[in-house]
Amino acid sequence: MLVAAVLFLGAAVGYLIGVRGSQTASNAVDVGFLTDMSEHHDQAVQMAIMELTHGQDPIVKGFAQDVLLFQRSELGEMAVLLADHGAIRPEYDTARTAMAWMDMPAEMGSMPGMASAEELTGLGAARGDAADRLFLSLMSAHHEGGVHMAQFAAEHAADPRVRELAGRMAKYQSVEIREYAMAQQRLGVTPAGNGDSASDPMHDMGGMER
């Protein structure tokens, strides 16, 4: 798993470096998505660390390891792309307006799927089986929100690299939502979502490898 992640990151960075000299196509979606999804990923990484620290189920901890490895890799990709677009992430502020780029302006802390401060505190305090169950619930909702944002960017961003990255996120987070639902059923938890966002990610994003 770790080797695959390292190879993935190396290939992604190599690709980005290889095209940085070319003119960068850009619109409000590119910078907005990269900025807001970076904040979204940061919280996912935070929750994954909590599960790895306090959870007990090896499969659920494996899910958290995947989130930690791949979303950190994607954070690196997004930082490079933001630099190519001449942008930097603003200071962390949960009241910052986010998602205006998809005509759904909201406070950054209220982006779809973002866990509240109380939910993060609860996850940090949970131990063992309780941590596993809460992580699956929060991360499922988090991924559903991420898929919604990524699908829009995959369709509307100007930079083909942003569209490809967003499409990849939508595809694999949709797969992970289904995996989480199966784990929840095994642990005796009824998944909260209806699974619509995971049914057909990006219509036809097949052939991409993570």
Protein backbone atom coordinates (compact mmCIF):
# COMPACT_ATOMS: atom_id res chain seq x y z
CA MET A 1 0.00 0.00 0.00
CA LEU A 2 2.80 2.43 0.95
CA VAL A 3 4.84 1.55 -2.15
CA ALA A 4 1.80 2.16 -4.37
CA ALA A 5 1.22 5.53 -2.76
CA VAL A 6 4.86 6.58 -3.23
CA LEU A 7 4.78 5.54 -6.89
CA PHE A 8 1.49 7.40 -7.36
CA LEU A 9 2.87 10.57 -5.81
CA GLY A 10 6.07 10.39 -7.84
CA ALA A 11 4.19 9.96 -11.09
CA ALA A 12 1.77 12.76 -10.25
CA VAL A 13 4.49 15.24 -9.29
CA GLY A 14 6.54 14.27 -12.33
CA TYR A 15 3.59 14.93 -14.59
CA LEU A 16 2.87 18.29 -12.99
CA ILE A 17 6.50 19.42 -13.20
CA GLY A 18 6.63 18.33 -16.82
CA VAL A 19 3.80 20.63 -17.84
CA ARG A 20 4.49 23.63 -15.60
CA GLY A 21 6.26 25.50 -18.36
CA SER A 22 3.15 25.59 -20.52
CA GLN A 23 0.48 28.23 -20.32
CA THR A 24 -2.04 27.43 -17.61
CA ALA A 25 -5.71 27.52 -18.55
CA SER A 26 -7.67 28.95 -15.66
CA ASN A 27 -11.07 30.06 -14.46
CA ALA A 28 -12.72 30.65 -11.09
CA VAL A 29 -13.47 26.94 -10.74
CA ASP A 30 -9.82 25.93 -10.89
CA VAL A 31 -8.59 28.11 -8.04
CA GLY A 32 -11.78 27.82 -6.02
CA PHE A 33 -11.84 24.04 -6.18
CA LEU A 34 -8.14 23.66 -5.37
CA THR A 35 -8.44 26.03 -2.42
CA ASP A 36 -11.61 24.59 -0.92
CA MET A 37 -10.73 20.95 -1.53
CA SER A 38 -7.38 21.50 0.16
CA GLU A 39 -9.23 22.54 3.32
CA HIS A 40 -11.59 19.58 2.87
CA HIS A 41 -8.62 17.19 2.59
CA ASP A 42 -6.92 18.67 5.63
CA GLN A 43 -9.88 17.70 7.79
CA ALA A 44 -9.99 14.20 6.31
CA VAL A 45 -6.32 13.75 7.19
CA GLN A 46 -7.03 14.97 10.73
CA MET A 47 -9.83 12.43 11.16
CA ALA A 48 -7.71 9.62 9.69
CA ILE A 49 -4.97 10.30 12.24
CA MET A 50 -7.53 10.09 15.04
CA GLU A 51 -8.78 6.71 13.79
CA LEU A 52 -5.26 5.36 13.40
CA THR A 53 -4.47 6.49 16.94
CA HIS A 54 -7.60 5.29 18.72
CA GLY A 55 -9.46 2.80 16.49
CA GLN A 56 -9.21 -0.96 16.77
CA ASP A 57 -10.72 -2.61 13.69
CA PRO A 58 -7.87 -3.44 11.27
CA ILE A 59 -10.00 -2.91 8.16
CA VAL A 60 -11.26 0.48 9.33
CA LYS A 61 -7.73 1.49 10.29
CA GLY A 62 -6.69 0.43 6.80
CA PHE A 63 -9.27 2.82 5.38
CA ALA A 64 -7.81 5.58 7.53
CA GLN A 65 -4.32 4.73 6.27
CA ASP A 66 -5.55 5.07 2.69
CA VAL A 67 -7.06 8.48 3.46
CA LEU A 68 -3.83 9.61 5.09
CA LEU A 69 -1.60 8.49 2.22
CA PHE A 70 -3.68 9.45 -0.79
CA GLN A 71 -5.19 12.69 0.45
CA ARG A 72 -1.77 13.93 1.54
CA SER A 73 -0.53 13.09 -1.95
CA GLU A 74 -3.44 15.00 -3.47
CA LEU A 75 -2.74 17.94 -1.17
CA GLY A 76 0.72 18.10 -2.72
CA GLU A 77 -0.74 18.02 -6.22
CA MET A 78 -3.18 20.79 -5.38
CA ALA A 79 -0.42 22.97 -3.91
CA VAL A 80 1.58 22.67 -7.14
CA LEU A 81 -1.48 23.46 -9.24
CA LEU A 82 -2.37 26.47 -7.10
CA ALA A 83 1.14 27.80 -7.60
CA ASP A 84 0.79 27.33 -11.37
CA HIS A 85 -2.39 29.39 -11.22
CA GLY A 86 -0.59 32.13 -9.27
CA ALA A 87 -2.67 31.51 -6.14
CA ILE A 88 -1.99 30.56 -2.55
CA ARG A 89 -4.29 29.16 0.10
CA PRO A 90 -5.73 31.86 2.36
CA GLU A 91 -5.32 31.78 6.12
CA TYR A 92 -7.46 29.13 7.79
CA ASP A 93 -10.85 30.66 8.62
CA THR A 94 -14.00 28.58 9.03
CA ALA A 95 -16.07 31.70 8.25
CA ARG A 96 -14.35 32.28 4.89
CA THR A 97 -16.75 32.12 1.95
CA ALA A 98 -16.24 28.90 0.03
CA MET A 99 -17.88 27.21 -2.95
CA ALA A 100 -18.82 30.45 -4.73
CA TRP A 101 -17.07 28.88 -7.73
CA MET A 102 -19.93 26.38 -8.00
CA ASP A 103 -22.66 28.93 -7.22
CA MET A 104 -23.19 27.49 -3.73
CA PRO A 105 -21.53 30.07 -1.45
CA ALA A 106 -21.21 28.90 2.13
CA GLU A 107 -18.90 29.37 5.08
CA MET A 108 -15.84 27.18 4.71
CA GLY A 109 -16.69 25.24 7.86
CA SER A 110 -20.10 24.43 6.36
CA MET A 111 -18.88 22.90 3.11
CA PRO A 112 -20.66 19.60 2.34
CA GLY A 113 -19.36 16.78 4.49
CA MET A 114 -17.26 18.91 6.81
CA ALA A 115 -17.42 17.62 10.38
CA SER A 116 -18.34 20.15 13.04
CA ALA A 117 -16.00 21.06 15.89
CA GLU A 118 -18.18 18.99 18.21
CA GLU A 119 -17.98 15.96 15.92
CA LEU A 120 -14.20 16.24 15.73
CA THR A 121 -14.03 16.46 19.51
CA GLY A 122 -16.20 13.37 19.74
CA LEU A 123 -13.99 11.44 17.34
CA GLY A 124 -10.89 12.49 19.23
CA ALA A 125 -12.40 11.23 22.48
CA ALA A 126 -13.74 7.93 21.08
CA ARG A 127 -11.82 4.73 21.61
CA GLY A 128 -11.85 1.27 20.07
CA ASP A 129 -15.09 0.17 18.42
CA ALA A 130 -16.71 3.54 19.08
CA ALA A 131 -13.90 5.28 17.21
CA ASP A 132 -14.24 2.88 14.26
CA ARG A 133 -17.97 3.47 13.98
CA LEU A 134 -17.75 7.25 14.29
CA PHE A 135 -14.87 7.48 11.81
CA LEU A 136 -16.85 5.53 9.20
CA SER A 137 -19.90 7.75 9.71
CA LEU A 138 -18.01 11.03 9.54
CA MET A 139 -15.74 10.01 6.68
CA SER A 140 -18.66 8.70 4.62
CA ALA A 141 -20.39 12.08 4.90
CA HIS A 142 -17.07 13.82 4.25
CA HIS A 143 -16.50 11.84 1.05
CA GLU A 144 -20.06 12.44 -0.15
CA GLY A 145 -19.46 16.18 0.12
CA GLY A 146 -16.08 15.83 -1.56
CA VAL A 147 -17.54 13.86 -4.47
CA HIS A 148 -20.15 16.58 -5.03
CA MET A 149 -17.46 19.25 -5.25
CA ALA A 150 -15.08 17.14 -7.34
CA GLN A 151 -17.74 16.20 -9.90
CA PHE A 152 -18.49 19.86 -10.52
CA ALA A 153 -14.79 20.72 -10.93
CA ALA A 154 -14.22 17.75 -13.24
CA GLU A 155 -16.90 19.13 -15.54
CA HIS A 156 -16.25 22.88 -15.29
CA ALA A 157 -12.56 23.56 -14.54
CA ALA A 158 -10.54 25.07 -17.39
CA ASP A 159 -7.21 23.38 -16.60
CA PRO A 160 -7.26 19.76 -17.84
CA ARG A 161 -4.99 18.77 -14.94
CA VAL A 162 -7.56 20.06 -12.47
CA ARG A 163 -10.34 18.23 -14.29
CA GLU A 164 -8.34 14.99 -14.24
CA LEU A 165 -7.49 15.32 -10.54
CA ALA A 166 -11.09 16.16 -9.61
CA GLY A 167 -12.42 13.25 -11.64
CA ARG A 168 -9.98 10.89 -9.96
CA MET A 169 -11.09 12.13 -6.54
CA ALA A 170 -14.76 11.66 -7.42
CA LYS A 171 -14.18 8.15 -8.67
CA TYR A 172 -12.15 6.82 -5.77
CA GLN A 173 -14.02 8.56 -2.99
CA SER A 174 -17.22 7.08 -4.41
CA VAL A 175 -15.67 3.62 -4.26
CA GLU A 176 -14.57 4.24 -0.68
CA ILE A 177 -18.09 5.30 0.33
CA ARG A 178 -19.34 1.89 -0.76
CA GLU A 179 -16.53 0.16 1.11
CA TYR A 180 -17.35 2.14 4.25
CA ALA A 181 -21.01 1.14 3.96
CA MET A 182 -20.06 -2.54 3.87
CA ALA A 183 -17.83 -2.07 6.91
CA GLN A 184 -20.63 -0.28 8.75
CA GLN A 185 -22.98 -3.17 8.07
CA ARG A 186 -20.37 -5.61 9.38
CA LEU A 187 -20.09 -3.54 12.55
CA GLY A 188 -23.87 -3.41 12.94
CA VAL A 189 -24.26 0.22 11.89
CA THR A 190 -26.83 1.35 9.33
CA PRO A 191 -25.18 3.68 6.79
CA ALA A 192 -26.71 7.15 6.98
CA GLY A 193 -26.41 8.07 3.29
CA ASN A 194 -28.43 6.74 0.40
CA GLY A 195 -25.36 6.05 -1.70
CA ASP A 196 -26.51 8.15 -4.66
CA SER A 197 -23.18 9.97 -4.95
CA ALA A 198 -21.38 6.64 -5.20
CA SER A 199 -23.60 5.08 -7.83
CA ASP A 200 -21.97 6.32 -11.03
CA PRO A 201 -19.00 8.59 -10.37
CA MET A 202 -18.35 10.93 -13.28
CA HIS A 203 -20.35 8.64 -15.57
CA ASP A 204 -17.28 7.15 -17.25
CA MET A 205 -14.03 7.77 -15.44
CA GLY A 206 -12.78 4.23 -16.01
CA GLY A 207 -9.16 3.56 -16.91
CA MET A 208 -7.64 5.96 -14.38
CA GLU A 209 -5.33 4.38 -11.85
CA ARG A 210 -4.75 5.66 -8.38
